[in-house]
Amino acid sequence: MPLKTQAAENIHNLDQFRIGWELMGNNKYTYWGQRKAVVIQFSRGCPYPCTYCGQSLFWKKWRHRDPQLLADEIEMLHYKYGIEVINFADENPSSNPKAWREFLEALVAKHLK
């Protein structure tokens, strides 16, 4: 007999859990001209109730990672794993323009290729 469970609570602090990048091993995933790449997220969720999109059914609240910590993580990925391309999987990374700008400024300050 099917059983409906209660909705799980969203992770409020996205930086609380680290990503196991070391599990990539010899990452052979490439993107845009055979450059080593990863998919990453700055934020989760979407604050907009668009009728044509199902995201609001899953992600009721928009929240984001710490801008400086994400820039630090991208720097580590570049130097430790040779990552050259970052593909963002966010629905709306700039839903909080202040946080998005902080991230972009922190990333630019890294002077990565």
Protein backbone atom coordinates (compact mmCIF):
# COMPACT_ATOMS: atom_id res chain seq x y z
CA MET A 1 0.00 0.00 0.00
CA PRO A 2 1.45 3.41 -0.96
CA LEU A 3 2.35 5.68 1.92
CA LYS A 4 2.74 9.45 1.70
CA THR A 5 5.48 10.77 3.97
CA GLN A 6 5.84 14.29 5.30
CA ALA A 7 7.96 16.70 3.30
CA ALA A 8 11.59 16.77 4.41
CA GLU A 9 12.91 19.99 5.87
CA ASN A 10 15.08 22.07 3.54
CA ILE A 11 18.73 22.55 4.35
CA HIS A 12 18.81 26.12 5.65
CA ASN A 13 22.59 26.56 5.72
CA LEU A 14 23.95 25.26 2.41
CA ASP A 15 27.52 25.59 3.67
CA GLN A 16 26.78 23.18 6.53
CA PHE A 17 27.49 20.20 4.27
CA ARG A 18 30.64 20.00 2.21
CA ILE A 19 30.87 18.56 -1.28
CA GLY A 20 33.11 15.51 -1.64
CA TRP A 21 35.13 16.81 -4.56
CA GLU A 22 37.85 14.26 -3.76
CA LEU A 23 35.42 11.57 -4.96
CA MET A 24 35.82 12.86 -8.52
CA GLY A 25 39.01 10.86 -8.80
CA ASN A 26 40.54 11.47 -12.20
CA ASN A 27 37.79 13.80 -13.41
CA LYS A 28 37.38 13.35 -17.14
CA TYR A 29 34.27 15.51 -17.45
CA THR A 30 34.93 18.24 -19.99
CA TYR A 31 32.90 21.10 -21.33
CA TRP A 32 33.40 23.91 -23.87
CA GLY A 33 36.45 22.91 -25.84
CA GLN A 34 37.55 19.91 -23.78
CA ARG A 35 38.30 21.94 -20.63
CA LYS A 36 37.95 20.19 -17.27
CA ALA A 37 34.63 21.19 -15.75
CA VAL A 38 32.30 20.79 -12.80
CA VAL A 39 28.69 21.68 -12.09
CA ILE A 40 28.19 23.76 -8.96
CA GLN A 41 25.41 25.66 -7.19
CA PHE A 42 25.45 29.02 -5.46
CA SER A 43 21.84 28.80 -4.37
CA ARG A 44 18.86 26.52 -4.05
CA GLY A 45 15.25 27.34 -4.60
CA CYS A 46 13.27 30.03 -6.29
CA PRO A 47 11.24 32.87 -4.76
CA TYR A 48 8.85 33.14 -7.72
CA PRO A 49 5.54 31.22 -8.03
CA CYS A 50 5.53 30.92 -11.85
CA THR A 51 2.67 28.77 -13.12
CA TYR A 52 4.71 27.31 -15.98
CA CYS A 53 7.52 25.96 -13.78
CA GLY A 54 7.55 23.11 -11.27
CA GLN A 55 10.48 24.38 -9.18
CA SER A 56 8.22 26.15 -6.70
CA LEU A 57 6.64 22.78 -5.87
CA PHE A 58 9.99 21.53 -4.59
CA TRP A 59 11.93 24.56 -3.40
CA LYS A 60 9.69 26.87 -1.41
CA LYS A 61 12.47 29.13 -0.13
CA TRP A 62 15.47 30.60 -1.90
CA ARG A 63 18.75 30.41 0.01
CA HIS A 64 22.40 30.76 -0.98
CA ARG A 65 25.88 29.70 -0.02
CA ASP A 66 28.40 32.03 1.58
CA PRO A 67 29.80 34.08 -1.34
CA GLN A 68 33.41 34.03 -0.10
CA LEU A 69 33.36 30.30 0.73
CA LEU A 70 32.08 29.48 -2.76
CA ALA A 71 34.79 31.62 -4.37
CA ASP A 72 37.36 29.83 -2.18
CA GLU A 73 35.95 26.47 -3.29
CA ILE A 74 36.20 27.40 -6.96
CA GLU A 75 39.80 28.51 -6.42
CA MET A 76 40.57 25.15 -4.78
CA LEU A 77 38.93 23.27 -7.67
CA HIS A 78 41.02 25.20 -10.16
CA TYR A 79 44.37 24.66 -8.45
CA LYS A 80 43.86 21.19 -6.99
CA TYR A 81 41.86 19.54 -9.79
CA GLY A 82 42.65 21.69 -12.81
CA ILE A 83 39.04 22.82 -13.24
CA GLU A 84 38.73 25.55 -15.87
CA VAL A 85 34.97 25.67 -16.46
CA ILE A 86 32.23 26.06 -13.86
CA ASN A 87 28.68 25.36 -14.95
CA PHE A 88 26.12 26.81 -12.54
CA ALA A 89 23.04 24.66 -11.99
CA ASP A 90 21.09 27.35 -10.14
CA GLU A 91 17.51 28.22 -11.00
CA ASN A 92 18.01 31.87 -10.00
CA PRO A 93 21.47 32.60 -8.59
CA SER A 94 20.90 36.37 -8.63
CA SER A 95 17.63 36.35 -6.68
CA ASN A 96 19.57 38.25 -4.02
CA PRO A 97 21.57 40.75 -6.09
CA LYS A 98 23.73 41.79 -3.10
CA ALA A 99 24.82 38.20 -2.35
CA TRP A 100 25.38 37.42 -6.05
CA ARG A 101 27.53 40.54 -6.45
CA GLU A 102 29.53 39.63 -3.32
CA PHE A 103 30.22 36.23 -4.85
CA LEU A 104 31.23 37.67 -8.23
CA GLU A 105 33.53 40.21 -6.59
CA ALA A 106 35.11 37.51 -4.40
CA LEU A 107 35.66 35.34 -7.48
CA VAL A 108 37.17 38.18 -9.53
CA ALA A 109 39.55 38.92 -6.64
CA LYS A 110 40.96 35.38 -7.05
CA HIS A 111 42.43 36.35 -10.47
CA LEU A 112 41.73 32.88 -11.92
CA LYS A 113 41.95 32.21 -15.65
